[in-house]
Amino acid sequence: KCQAVVLAAPPKVLAKTITFLPNLPKQKIESMIATPTWMQEFGKVAVSFPTNWWRQQRISGISIDQAGAVATWWEACSGSDGDGNLPTLAGFVTDQGADVLRNIVYDESSNLFEYITESLKRVYGVDATAMGMQENATNIEITTKGVYEQEGLIVTNGIITVTYKSWKEDDLTNAKDDTVVDFSCDYGDRDLQSIVEPLFFAGTETSAGAHGHMEGAVVAAERAATEVVAYLSK
């Protein structure tokens, strides 16, 4: 028989997806519902290329796009010296940008490829040839795999691959709950950390420092581990 359980998923997701018997204390469950999952309204794009064209042209991989759905771009990996298999640019999609890309995907998922590559051409001031494609090519097949609301989409023309994950549409990140809570809860709040024996609550949102990041997850894990050891030692 299990003596203790550590729950490390986002508090909001735990409240939505798990039925607790007996019920968790009202203040705790409402605090969990009132805590947004870090980056829950955002998304992330990664675009892999056959060559590192931005370095070849002495262009910084970092850029800001104030017009498109992807607000920031950076070099995720260079594709050389063991730094990733392929040269890849990554970018964060804003809340509004996620809505734009959702409409594009729901209209025709393959259109995501054109939107992203056209955005990169505009932001970096390059043409398709520079990125490894033929300019105005019409006979290249675009293939798509994945489920948009779950693991995300991978769209490729066989040369360039666009991978997109929208956390905004993922119920295991941005869990929707019909419960009305008339307050907001800060990350690291004591109600999020409170123990309901034999349940212990970790996860980066429960950390008062570095919440939303790996550091916050480590801090929360160390706290929960200490609590479990103390509980089992009784």
C-alpha atoms as a PDB file:
ATOM      1  CA  LYS A   1       0.000   0.000   0.000  1.00  0.00           C
ATOM      2  CA  CYS A   2       1.256   3.452  -0.941  1.00  0.00           C
ATOM      3  CA  GLN A   3       2.037   5.543   2.149  1.00  0.00           C
ATOM      4  CA  ALA A   4       2.518   8.945   0.506  1.00  0.00           C
ATOM      5  CA  VAL A   5       1.838  10.570  -2.857  1.00  0.00           C
ATOM      6  CA  VAL A   6       3.618  13.583  -4.364  1.00  0.00           C
ATOM      7  CA  LEU A   7       1.575  15.534  -6.919  1.00  0.00           C
ATOM      8  CA  ALA A   8       3.746  17.674  -9.176  1.00  0.00           C
ATOM      9  CA  ALA A   9       1.397  18.628 -12.031  1.00  0.00           C
ATOM     10  CA  PRO A  10       0.191  22.256 -12.214  1.00  0.00           C
ATOM     11  CA  PRO A  11      -2.277  22.949  -9.364  1.00  0.00           C
ATOM     12  CA  LYS A  12      -5.008  24.018 -11.771  1.00  0.00           C
ATOM     13  CA  VAL A  13      -4.636  20.780 -13.743  1.00  0.00           C
ATOM     14  CA  LEU A  14      -4.726  18.651 -10.589  1.00  0.00           C
ATOM     15  CA  ALA A  15      -7.942  20.349  -9.468  1.00  0.00           C
ATOM     16  CA  LYS A  16      -9.541  19.764 -12.862  1.00  0.00           C
ATOM     17  CA  THR A  17      -8.440  16.212 -13.642  1.00  0.00           C
ATOM     18  CA  ILE A  18      -8.391  14.400 -10.291  1.00  0.00           C
ATOM     19  CA  THR A  19     -11.342  13.578  -8.062  1.00  0.00           C
ATOM     20  CA  PHE A  20     -10.160  13.723  -4.452  1.00  0.00           C
ATOM     21  CA  LEU A  21     -11.978  11.558  -1.887  1.00  0.00           C
ATOM     22  CA  PRO A  22     -12.427  12.891   0.672  1.00  0.00           C
ATOM     23  CA  ASN A  23     -12.513  16.365  -0.839  1.00  0.00           C
ATOM     24  CA  LEU A  24      -9.554  18.661  -0.385  1.00  0.00           C
ATOM     25  CA  PRO A  25     -10.151  21.623   1.950  1.00  0.00           C
ATOM     26  CA  LYS A  26     -12.208  24.301   0.200  1.00  0.00           C
ATOM     27  CA  GLN A  27      -9.516  26.978   0.518  1.00  0.00           C
ATOM     28  CA  LYS A  28      -6.878  24.689  -0.981  1.00  0.00           C
ATOM     29  CA  ILE A  29      -8.890  23.473  -3.978  1.00  0.00           C
ATOM     30  CA  GLU A  30     -10.034  27.012  -4.792  1.00  0.00           C
ATOM     31  CA  SER A  31      -6.459  28.274  -4.530  1.00  0.00           C
ATOM     32  CA  MET A  32      -5.378  25.544  -6.943  1.00  0.00           C
ATOM     33  CA  ILE A  33      -8.085  26.551  -9.420  1.00  0.00           C
ATOM     34  CA  ALA A  34      -7.118  30.219  -9.034  1.00  0.00           C
ATOM     35  CA  THR A  35      -3.453  29.568  -9.903  1.00  0.00           C
ATOM     36  CA  PRO A  36      -2.676  29.890 -13.631  1.00  0.00           C
ATOM     37  CA  THR A  37      -0.257  27.374 -15.065  1.00  0.00           C
ATOM     38  CA  TRP A  38       2.965  29.102 -16.075  1.00  0.00           C
ATOM     39  CA  MET A  39       2.816  30.075 -19.803  1.00  0.00           C
ATOM     40  CA  GLN A  40      -0.663  28.560 -20.115  1.00  0.00           C
ATOM     41  CA  GLU A  41      -1.769  31.102 -22.727  1.00  0.00           C
ATOM     42  CA  PHE A  42       1.368  30.833 -24.844  1.00  0.00           C
ATOM     43  CA  GLY A  43       2.939  28.497 -27.376  1.00  0.00           C
ATOM     44  CA  LYS A  44       6.335  27.592 -28.776  1.00  0.00           C
ATOM     45  CA  VAL A  45       7.627  27.063 -32.292  1.00  0.00           C
ATOM     46  CA  ALA A  46      10.816  25.334 -33.445  1.00  0.00           C
ATOM     47  CA  VAL A  47      11.991  25.482 -37.068  1.00  0.00           C
ATOM     48  CA  SER A  48      14.776  23.164 -38.258  1.00  0.00           C
ATOM     49  CA  PHE A  49      16.834  23.847 -41.387  1.00  0.00           C
ATOM     50  CA  PRO A  50      19.384  21.905 -43.474  1.00  0.00           C
ATOM     51  CA  THR A  51      22.053  24.578 -42.872  1.00  0.00           C
ATOM     52  CA  ASN A  52      22.700  27.292 -40.320  1.00  0.00           C
ATOM     53  CA  TRP A  53      21.978  30.084 -42.788  1.00  0.00           C
ATOM     54  CA  TRP A  54      21.853  32.861 -40.188  1.00  0.00           C
ATOM     55  CA  ARG A  55      25.389  32.165 -38.999  1.00  0.00           C
ATOM     56  CA  GLN A  56      26.582  31.782 -42.564  1.00  0.00           C
ATOM     57  CA  GLN A  57      25.221  35.265 -43.308  1.00  0.00           C
ATOM     58  CA  ARG A  58      26.455  36.653 -39.981  1.00  0.00           C
ATOM     59  CA  ILE A  59      22.907  37.324 -38.783  1.00  0.00           C
ATOM     60  CA  SER A  60      22.066  37.089 -35.095  1.00  0.00           C
ATOM     61  CA  GLY A  61      19.694  34.259 -34.321  1.00  0.00           C
ATOM     62  CA  ILE A  62      17.928  36.498 -31.794  1.00  0.00           C
ATOM     63  CA  SER A  63      15.158  38.733 -33.086  1.00  0.00           C
ATOM     64  CA  ILE A  64      11.956  40.467 -31.979  1.00  0.00           C
ATOM     65  CA  ASP A  65       8.854  40.431 -34.170  1.00  0.00           C
ATOM     66  CA  GLN A  66       6.247  43.054 -33.255  1.00  0.00           C
ATOM     67  CA  ALA A  67       3.986  42.172 -36.176  1.00  0.00           C
ATOM     68  CA  GLY A  68       3.755  38.380 -36.251  1.00  0.00           C
ATOM     69  CA  ALA A  69       2.366  35.674 -33.972  1.00  0.00           C
ATOM     70  CA  VAL A  70       5.834  34.633 -32.804  1.00  0.00           C
ATOM     71  CA  ALA A  71       7.116  37.493 -30.652  1.00  0.00           C
ATOM     72  CA  THR A  72      10.713  36.393 -30.096  1.00  0.00           C
ATOM     73  CA  TRP A  73      13.135  34.153 -31.979  1.00  0.00           C
ATOM     74  CA  TRP A  74      16.468  32.689 -30.907  1.00  0.00           C
ATOM     75  CA  GLU A  75      18.910  29.970 -31.911  1.00  0.00           C
ATOM     76  CA  ALA A  76      17.811  26.820 -30.097  1.00  0.00           C
ATOM     77  CA  CYS A  77      20.738  24.808 -31.463  1.00  0.00           C
ATOM     78  CA  SER A  78      23.467  25.440 -34.008  1.00  0.00           C
ATOM     79  CA  GLY A  79      23.467  21.965 -35.550  1.00  0.00           C
ATOM     80  CA  SER A  80      27.239  21.667 -35.228  1.00  0.00           C
ATOM     81  CA  ASP A  81      29.780  20.381 -32.710  1.00  0.00           C
ATOM     82  CA  GLY A  82      27.168  18.231 -31.009  1.00  0.00           C
ATOM     83  CA  ASP A  83      24.754  21.135 -30.493  1.00  0.00           C
ATOM     84  CA  GLY A  84      21.591  19.477 -31.836  1.00  0.00           C
ATOM     85  CA  ASN A  85      21.047  17.383 -34.935  1.00  0.00           C
ATOM     86  CA  LEU A  86      19.917  20.286 -37.125  1.00  0.00           C
ATOM     87  CA  PRO A  87      20.270  24.079 -37.003  1.00  0.00           C
ATOM     88  CA  THR A  88      17.077  25.264 -35.328  1.00  0.00           C
ATOM     89  CA  LEU A  89      15.417  28.558 -34.505  1.00  0.00           C
ATOM     90  CA  ALA A  90      12.829  28.600 -31.726  1.00  0.00           C
ATOM     91  CA  GLY A  91      10.268  31.202 -30.771  1.00  0.00           C
ATOM     92  CA  PHE A  92       7.620  32.006 -28.181  1.00  0.00           C
ATOM     93  CA  VAL A  93       4.062  32.575 -29.355  1.00  0.00           C
ATOM     94  CA  THR A  94       2.098  35.215 -27.453  1.00  0.00           C
ATOM     95  CA  ASP A  95      -1.467  34.889 -26.185  1.00  0.00           C
ATOM     96  CA  GLN A  96      -2.760  36.821 -29.195  1.00  0.00           C
ATOM     97  CA  GLY A  97      -0.354  34.972 -31.470  1.00  0.00           C
ATOM     98  CA  ALA A  98      -1.728  31.636 -30.273  1.00  0.00           C
ATOM     99  CA  ASP A  99      -5.178  32.776 -31.391  1.00  0.00           C
ATOM    100  CA  VAL A 100      -3.796  33.714 -34.811  1.00  0.00           C
ATOM    101  CA  LEU A 101      -2.077  30.356 -35.267  1.00  0.00           C
ATOM    102  CA  ARG A 102      -5.142  28.463 -34.011  1.00  0.00           C
ATOM    103  CA  ASN A 103      -7.253  30.045 -36.760  1.00  0.00           C
ATOM    104  CA  ILE A 104      -4.604  29.173 -39.331  1.00  0.00           C
ATOM    105  CA  VAL A 105      -4.353  25.567 -38.143  1.00  0.00           C
ATOM    106  CA  TYR A 106      -8.117  25.051 -37.951  1.00  0.00           C
ATOM    107  CA  ASP A 107      -8.481  26.404 -41.499  1.00  0.00           C
ATOM    108  CA  GLU A 108      -5.734  24.160 -42.909  1.00  0.00           C
ATOM    109  CA  SER A 109      -2.889  22.843 -40.759  1.00  0.00           C
ATOM    110  CA  SER A 110      -0.394  22.853 -43.626  1.00  0.00           C
ATOM    111  CA  ASN A 111      -0.804  26.651 -43.866  1.00  0.00           C
ATOM    112  CA  LEU A 112       1.131  26.882 -40.604  1.00  0.00           C
ATOM    113  CA  PHE A 113       4.302  26.078 -42.566  1.00  0.00           C
ATOM    114  CA  GLU A 114       3.821  28.988 -44.957  1.00  0.00           C
ATOM    115  CA  TYR A 115       2.937  31.445 -42.197  1.00  0.00           C
ATOM    116  CA  ILE A 116       6.000  30.624 -40.107  1.00  0.00           C
ATOM    117  CA  THR A 117       8.485  30.557 -42.977  1.00  0.00           C
ATOM    118  CA  GLU A 118       7.103  33.811 -44.392  1.00  0.00           C
ATOM    119  CA  SER A 119       7.433  35.390 -40.946  1.00  0.00           C
ATOM    120  CA  LEU A 120      11.076  34.325 -40.746  1.00  0.00           C
ATOM    121  CA  LYS A 121      11.805  35.692 -44.228  1.00  0.00           C
ATOM    122  CA  ARG A 122      10.312  39.030 -43.198  1.00  0.00           C
ATOM    123  CA  VAL A 123      12.006  39.248 -39.793  1.00  0.00           C
ATOM    124  CA  TYR A 124      15.475  38.174 -40.933  1.00  0.00           C
ATOM    125  CA  GLY A 125      15.319  39.814 -44.341  1.00  0.00           C
ATOM    126  CA  VAL A 126      16.168  36.671 -46.320  1.00  0.00           C
ATOM    127  CA  ASP A 127      14.535  34.749 -49.142  1.00  0.00           C
ATOM    128  CA  ALA A 128      13.526  31.106 -49.399  1.00  0.00           C
ATOM    129  CA  THR A 129      16.784  30.172 -51.125  1.00  0.00           C
ATOM    130  CA  ALA A 130      18.800  31.399 -48.162  1.00  0.00           C
ATOM    131  CA  MET A 131      16.805  29.100 -45.875  1.00  0.00           C
ATOM    132  CA  GLY A 132      17.378  26.077 -48.107  1.00  0.00           C
ATOM    133  CA  MET A 133      14.209  26.151 -50.253  1.00  0.00           C
ATOM    134  CA  GLN A 134      13.504  27.022 -53.843  1.00  0.00           C
ATOM    135  CA  GLU A 135      11.858  30.410 -54.245  1.00  0.00           C
ATOM    136  CA  ASN A 136       8.215  30.140 -55.395  1.00  0.00           C
ATOM    137  CA  ALA A 137       8.417  26.338 -55.600  1.00  0.00           C
ATOM    138  CA  THR A 138       4.966  24.868 -56.238  1.00  0.00           C
ATOM    139  CA  ASN A 139       5.637  21.141 -56.481  1.00  0.00           C
ATOM    140  CA  ILE A 140       6.845  20.526 -52.915  1.00  0.00           C
ATOM    141  CA  GLU A 141       4.466  18.510 -50.770  1.00  0.00           C
ATOM    142  CA  ILE A 142       3.714  19.708 -47.256  1.00  0.00           C
ATOM    143  CA  THR A 143       3.039  16.906 -44.754  1.00  0.00           C
ATOM    144  CA  THR A 144       1.568  17.240 -41.270  1.00  0.00           C
ATOM    145  CA  LYS A 145       1.459  14.924 -38.279  1.00  0.00           C
ATOM    146  CA  GLY A 146       0.367  15.246 -34.689  1.00  0.00           C
ATOM    147  CA  VAL A 147      -2.741  16.520 -32.908  1.00  0.00           C
ATOM    148  CA  TYR A 148      -2.864  20.269 -32.380  1.00  0.00           C
ATOM    149  CA  GLU A 149      -4.619  20.156 -28.976  1.00  0.00           C
ATOM    150  CA  GLN A 150      -2.397  17.372 -27.630  1.00  0.00           C
ATOM    151  CA  GLU A 151       1.230  16.777 -28.571  1.00  0.00           C
ATOM    152  CA  GLY A 152       1.243  19.574 -31.149  1.00  0.00           C
ATOM    153  CA  LEU A 153       1.949  19.691 -34.872  1.00  0.00           C
ATOM    154  CA  ILE A 154       4.955  18.849 -37.023  1.00  0.00           C
ATOM    155  CA  VAL A 155       4.710  20.343 -40.505  1.00  0.00           C
ATOM    156  CA  THR A 156       7.460  19.798 -43.068  1.00  0.00           C
ATOM    157  CA  ASN A 157       8.266  20.098 -46.730  1.00  0.00           C
ATOM    158  CA  GLY A 158      11.055  17.546 -46.411  1.00  0.00           C
ATOM    159  CA  ILE A 159      13.661  20.297 -46.142  1.00  0.00           C
ATOM    160  CA  ILE A 160      12.444  22.606 -43.387  1.00  0.00           C
ATOM    161  CA  THR A 161      10.428  21.336 -40.414  1.00  0.00           C
ATOM    162  CA  VAL A 162       8.109  23.474 -38.308  1.00  0.00           C
ATOM    163  CA  THR A 163       7.092  22.103 -34.904  1.00  0.00           C
ATOM    164  CA  TYR A 164       4.403  23.932 -32.945  1.00  0.00           C
ATOM    165  CA  LYS A 165       2.919  23.361 -29.506  1.00  0.00           C
ATOM    166  CA  SER A 166       0.107  25.569 -28.169  1.00  0.00           C
ATOM    167  CA  TRP A 167      -0.193  25.312 -24.392  1.00  0.00           C
ATOM    168  CA  LYS A 168      -3.296  27.472 -24.639  1.00  0.00           C
ATOM    169  CA  GLU A 169      -5.233  24.648 -26.283  1.00  0.00           C
ATOM    170  CA  ASP A 170      -3.845  21.866 -24.072  1.00  0.00           C
ATOM    171  CA  ASP A 171      -6.163  20.816 -21.250  1.00  0.00           C
ATOM    172  CA  LEU A 172      -3.209  19.309 -19.402  1.00  0.00           C
ATOM    173  CA  THR A 173      -1.636  22.777 -19.232  1.00  0.00           C
ATOM    174  CA  ASN A 174      -4.429  25.329 -19.532  1.00  0.00           C
ATOM    175  CA  ALA A 175      -7.108  23.316 -17.748  1.00  0.00           C
ATOM    176  CA  LYS A 176     -10.579  24.820 -17.971  1.00  0.00           C
ATOM    177  CA  ASP A 177     -12.726  24.731 -14.844  1.00  0.00           C
ATOM    178  CA  ASP A 178     -16.294  25.932 -14.364  1.00  0.00           C
ATOM    179  CA  THR A 179     -15.777  26.620 -10.672  1.00  0.00           C
ATOM    180  CA  VAL A 180     -16.079  30.337  -9.957  1.00  0.00           C
ATOM    181  CA  VAL A 181     -13.318  31.637  -7.709  1.00  0.00           C
ATOM    182  CA  ASP A 182     -13.405  35.326  -6.813  1.00  0.00           C
ATOM    183  CA  PHE A 183      -9.712  35.693  -5.972  1.00  0.00           C
ATOM    184  CA  SER A 184      -6.336  35.092  -7.558  1.00  0.00           C
ATOM    185  CA  CYS A 185      -3.597  33.006  -6.016  1.00  0.00           C
ATOM    186  CA  ASP A 186       0.089  33.824  -6.170  1.00  0.00           C
ATOM    187  CA  TYR A 187       2.682  31.236  -7.142  1.00  0.00           C
ATOM    188  CA  GLY A 188       4.183  29.695  -4.052  1.00  0.00           C
ATOM    189  CA  ASP A 189       1.153  30.503  -1.908  1.00  0.00           C
ATOM    190  CA  ARG A 190       0.982  28.565   1.377  1.00  0.00           C
ATOM    191  CA  ASP A 191      -2.333  27.020   0.329  1.00  0.00           C
ATOM    192  CA  LEU A 192      -0.627  25.496  -2.719  1.00  0.00           C
ATOM    193  CA  GLN A 193       2.114  24.003  -0.557  1.00  0.00           C
ATOM    194  CA  SER A 194      -0.110  22.846   2.285  1.00  0.00           C
ATOM    195  CA  ILE A 195      -0.067  19.117   3.002  1.00  0.00           C
ATOM    196  CA  VAL A 196      -3.224  17.013   3.022  1.00  0.00           C
ATOM    197  CA  GLU A 197      -1.811  13.772   4.373  1.00  0.00           C
ATOM    198  CA  PRO A 198      -0.872  11.524   2.676  1.00  0.00           C
ATOM    199  CA  LEU A 199      -0.830  13.954  -0.268  1.00  0.00           C
ATOM    200  CA  PHE A 200       2.116  16.301  -0.857  1.00  0.00           C
ATOM    201  CA  PHE A 201       2.151  19.044  -3.453  1.00  0.00           C
ATOM    202  CA  ALA A 202       5.182  19.955  -5.537  1.00  0.00           C
ATOM    203  CA  GLY A 203       5.443  21.402  -9.066  1.00  0.00           C
ATOM    204  CA  THR A 204       7.024  24.670 -10.129  1.00  0.00           C
ATOM    205  CA  GLU A 205       3.864  26.742  -9.529  1.00  0.00           C
ATOM    206  CA  THR A 206       4.048  25.877  -5.813  1.00  0.00           C
ATOM    207  CA  SER A 207       7.495  27.448  -5.517  1.00  0.00           C
ATOM    208  CA  ALA A 208       7.706  31.024  -4.236  1.00  0.00           C
ATOM    209  CA  GLY A 209      10.990  31.527  -6.088  1.00  0.00           C
ATOM    210  CA  ALA A 210      11.771  30.777  -9.745  1.00  0.00           C
ATOM    211  CA  HIS A 211       8.208  29.563 -10.271  1.00  0.00           C
ATOM    212  CA  GLY A 212       7.507  28.466 -13.814  1.00  0.00           C
ATOM    213  CA  HIS A 213      11.120  27.443 -14.351  1.00  0.00           C
ATOM    214  CA  MET A 214      13.158  24.298 -13.752  1.00  0.00           C
ATOM    215  CA  GLU A 215      14.726  25.922 -10.694  1.00  0.00           C
ATOM    216  CA  GLY A 216      11.270  26.341  -9.171  1.00  0.00           C
ATOM    217  CA  ALA A 217      10.471  22.692  -9.851  1.00  0.00           C
ATOM    218  CA  VAL A 218      13.678  21.608  -8.090  1.00  0.00           C
ATOM    219  CA  VAL A 219      12.962  23.855  -5.093  1.00  0.00           C
ATOM    220  CA  ALA A 220       9.413  22.469  -4.830  1.00  0.00           C
ATOM    221  CA  ALA A 221      10.675  18.883  -5.154  1.00  0.00           C
ATOM    222  CA  GLU A 222      13.195  19.363  -2.372  1.00  0.00           C
ATOM    223  CA  ARG A 223      10.511  20.817  -0.102  1.00  0.00           C
ATOM    224  CA  ALA A 224       8.091  17.983  -0.850  1.00  0.00           C
ATOM    225  CA  ALA A 225      10.796  15.359  -0.320  1.00  0.00           C
ATOM    226  CA  THR A 226      11.603  16.817   3.090  1.00  0.00           C
ATOM    227  CA  GLU A 227       7.913  16.778   4.000  1.00  0.00           C
ATOM    228  CA  VAL A 228       7.491  13.161   2.896  1.00  0.00           C
ATOM    229  CA  VAL A 229      10.525  11.989   4.871  1.00  0.00           C
ATOM    230  CA  ALA A 230       9.204  13.716   7.983  1.00  0.00           C
ATOM    231  CA  TYR A 231       5.748  12.193   7.467  1.00  0.00           C
ATOM    232  CA  LEU A 232       7.059   8.659   6.971  1.00  0.00           C
ATOM    233  CA  SER A 233       9.280   8.998  10.029  1.00  0.00           C
ATOM    234  CA  LYS A 234       6.336   9.524  12.371  1.00  0.00           C
END
